[in-house]
C-alpha atoms as a PDB file:
ATOM      1  CA  UNK A   1      48.527  -5.177   0.222  1.00  0.00           C
ATOM      2  CA  UNK A   2      48.293  -1.347   0.220  1.00  0.00           C
ATOM      3  CA  UNK A   3      47.166  -1.611  -3.526  1.00  0.00           C
ATOM      4  CA  UNK A   4      43.709  -3.266  -2.682  1.00  0.00           C
ATOM      5  CA  UNK A   5      42.896  -0.860   0.022  1.00  0.00           C
ATOM      6  CA  UNK A   6      41.840   2.066  -1.922  1.00  0.00           C
ATOM      7  CA  UNK A   7      39.544  -0.440  -4.148  1.00  0.00           C
ATOM      8  CA  UNK A   8      37.886  -1.378  -0.762  1.00  0.00           C
ATOM      9  CA  UNK A   9      37.409   2.070   0.242  1.00  0.00           C
ATOM     10  CA  UNK A  10      35.848   2.922  -3.139  1.00  0.00           C
ATOM     11  CA  UNK A  11      33.504  -0.356  -3.120  1.00  0.00           C
ATOM     12  CA  UNK A  12      32.609   0.490   0.789  1.00  0.00           C
ATOM     13  CA  UNK A  13      31.534   4.182  -0.241  1.00  0.00           C
ATOM     14  CA  UNK A  14      29.491   2.856  -3.470  1.00  0.00           C
ATOM     15  CA  UNK A  15      27.776   0.374  -1.159  1.00  0.00           C
ATOM     16  CA  UNK A  16      26.665   2.900   1.444  1.00  0.00           C
ATOM     17  CA  UNK A  17      25.827   5.348  -1.267  1.00  0.00           C
ATOM     18  CA  UNK A  18      23.308   2.774  -2.506  1.00  0.00           C
ATOM     19  CA  UNK A  19      22.145   1.992   0.806  1.00  0.00           C
ATOM     20  CA  UNK A  20      21.348   5.640   1.324  1.00  0.00           C
ATOM     21  CA  UNK A  21      19.748   6.070  -2.052  1.00  0.00           C
ATOM     22  CA  UNK A  22      17.521   3.300  -1.506  1.00  0.00           C
ATOM     23  CA  UNK A  23      16.669   4.026   2.145  1.00  0.00           C
ATOM     24  CA  UNK A  24      15.677   7.477   1.049  1.00  0.00           C
ATOM     25  CA  UNK A  25      13.297   6.210  -1.650  1.00  0.00           C
ATOM     26  CA  UNK A  26      11.629   4.180   0.891  1.00  0.00           C
ATOM     27  CA  UNK A  27      10.989   7.060   3.073  1.00  0.00           C
ATOM     28  CA  UNK A  28       9.707   9.309  -0.117  1.00  0.00           C
ATOM     29  CA  UNK A  29       7.224   6.175  -0.751  1.00  0.00           C
ATOM     30  CA  UNK A  30       6.078   6.395   2.862  1.00  0.00           C
ATOM     31  CA  UNK A  31       5.501  10.317   2.808  1.00  0.00           C
ATOM     32  CA  UNK A  32       3.590  10.179  -0.794  1.00  0.00           C
ATOM     33  CA  UNK A  33       1.379   7.387   0.307  1.00  0.00           C
ATOM     34  CA  UNK A  34       0.855   9.031   3.842  1.00  0.00           C
ATOM     35  CA  UNK A  35      -0.108  12.254   2.280  1.00  0.00           C
ATOM     36  CA  UNK A  36      -2.364  11.017  -0.214  1.00  0.00           C
ATOM     37  CA  UNK A  37      -4.024   8.940   2.141  1.00  0.00           C
ATOM     38  CA  UNK A  38      -4.267  11.707   4.825  1.00  0.00           C
ATOM     39  CA  UNK A  39      -5.834  14.005   1.994  1.00  0.00           C
ATOM     40  CA  UNK A  40      -8.315  11.195   1.114  1.00  0.00           C
ATOM     41  CA  UNK A  41      -9.542  10.624   4.758  1.00  0.00           C
ATOM     42  CA  UNK A  42      -9.765  14.384   5.441  1.00  0.00           C
ATOM     43  CA  UNK A  43     -12.076  14.794   2.278  1.00  0.00           C
ATOM     44  CA  UNK A  44     -14.179  11.875   3.241  1.00  0.00           C
ATOM     45  CA  UNK A  45     -14.297  13.187   6.871  1.00  0.00           C
ATOM     46  CA  UNK A  46     -15.643  16.505   5.706  1.00  0.00           C
ATOM     47  CA  UNK A  47     -18.197  15.024   3.426  1.00  0.00           C
ATOM     48  CA  UNK A  48     -19.467  12.441   5.670  1.00  0.00           C
ATOM     49  CA  UNK A  49     -19.593   9.694   2.991  1.00  0.00           C
ATOM     50  CA  UNK A  50     -20.374   6.437   4.612  1.00  0.00           C
ATOM     51  CA  UNK A  51     -18.083   4.275   2.664  1.00  0.00           C
ATOM     52  CA  UNK A  52     -14.375   6.047   2.421  1.00  0.00           C
ATOM     53  CA  UNK A  53     -14.201   6.064  -1.466  1.00  0.00           C
ATOM     54  CA  UNK A  54     -11.913   9.067  -1.635  1.00  0.00           C
ATOM     55  CA  UNK A  55      -9.592   7.549   0.988  1.00  0.00           C
ATOM     56  CA  UNK A  56      -9.189   4.504  -1.170  1.00  0.00           C
ATOM     57  CA  UNK A  57      -8.718   6.119  -4.405  1.00  0.00           C
ATOM     58  CA  UNK A  58      -6.367   8.679  -3.120  1.00  0.00           C
ATOM     59  CA  UNK A  59      -4.372   6.156  -1.210  1.00  0.00           C
ATOM     60  CA  UNK A  60      -4.041   3.956  -4.454  1.00  0.00           C
ATOM     61  CA  UNK A  61      -3.051   7.126  -6.727  1.00  0.00           C
ATOM     62  CA  UNK A  62      -0.454   7.674  -4.167  1.00  0.00           C
ATOM     63  CA  UNK A  63       0.932   4.156  -4.444  1.00  0.00           C
ATOM     64  CA  UNK A  64       1.003   4.320  -8.212  1.00  0.00           C
ATOM     65  CA  UNK A  65       2.741   7.566  -8.072  1.00  0.00           C
ATOM     66  CA  UNK A  66       5.408   6.538  -5.663  1.00  0.00           C
ATOM     67  CA  UNK A  67       5.941   3.327  -7.727  1.00  0.00           C
ATOM     68  CA  UNK A  68       6.434   5.407 -10.710  1.00  0.00           C
ATOM     69  CA  UNK A  69       9.055   7.743  -8.905  1.00  0.00           C
ATOM     70  CA  UNK A  70      10.874   4.587  -7.469  1.00  0.00           C
ATOM     71  CA  UNK A  71      10.970   2.849 -11.339  1.00  0.00           C
ATOM     72  CA  UNK A  72      12.042   6.198 -12.683  1.00  0.00           C
ATOM     73  CA  UNK A  73      14.714   6.623  -9.917  1.00  0.00           C
ATOM     74  CA  UNK A  74      16.150   2.931 -10.691  1.00  0.00           C
ATOM     75  CA  UNK A  75      16.343   3.105 -14.197  1.00  0.00           C
ATOM     76  CA  UNK A  76      18.856   6.037 -13.992  1.00  0.00           C
END
């Protein structure tokens, strides 16, 4: 019975490490998308465009950049 305990501890640490890694990726995505969207909003606000094109374009760019970083991180 004592022989199985170190393996259980290693598996638990590996699961916790994966949880922290993917949670960090989620927050990273939220921040990237949020910063790009906020920047687009501020640009649209300062220029006075009736249609918020810059916000839409920058928020989509933020989504693509965040997805690129997640895919690159998961491949490692």
